[in-house]
Amino acid sequence: MRNTGFKNDMTMMYVMHDALRRELRHLTRITADPTRDPRDVLRGAVGWEMFTQYLHVHHGAEDDVLWPAIRPAAADRPDELAVLDAMDAEHAMIDPGLAAFDEAVADRDAGPERLAAIVARLVTGLGAHLDHEEKEGLAVVDAHATPELLQRFGAEHGKRLGADVSRYFPWLLEDASPEDVETALRPLPEPVRQAFHQQWRPAFAALDRWGTKAA
């Protein structure tokens, strides 16, 4: 359940976390399907490319813009610094899991069980990090972040995405509520909002990003 007691609007954080959890559910479903080798499904899957790219965008913006700006304000608060340290440590543990996934998908000698085990660890590890950030990390952010910092954080997302915003926003908002879609699109110029509804979202809906539509 979302914390609605923040003074800052944390909608975009929750929407991003929801999108990452959704993709983890796709990975779990694919690796649990006994009728197909998940390595065949996931090899070259654009869904995995998008998941890892947008995860790196989000975590990179946190590591380079958000957390460093929060740390000085929390300097005399050991409990809050411990939360920030945990965020850094949890981020550092995710990249090895992504690399292990890529290795397992390419491994034709081991059985698909290896990939399923790696996905299970990724789901557990990233899921725990998202939960921890929502339960403790966002409260630290809310205590010290200014609206200007959050705008800078959002702008860093946009800078790292570049032209890929046309895929990112439909990916981000695939299962979002109408209220969250409105919040996410509100800062964008009207022509961009129209492009989202008329072009970007339909194109994304037609994308077989996990290679399972034909199956």
Foldseek 3Di string as FASTA:
>chain_A
DADPPFPDDCLLLVLQVVLLLVLLVVLLVLLPDPVDQSLVLAVVFQSLVVSVLLVCLLLVLCVPQQLVVLCVVCVVPVVLVVLSVVLVVLVVVQVVLSVQLVVLSPDPPDGSVSNSVSSVVNSVSVVVSSVSCRVRVVVSSSVGPDPVSVVVSVVSSCVSCDPVVLQVLLSSCVPPDPVSNCVVCVVPDPVVVCCNVPPSNVVNVPDPRRNPPVD
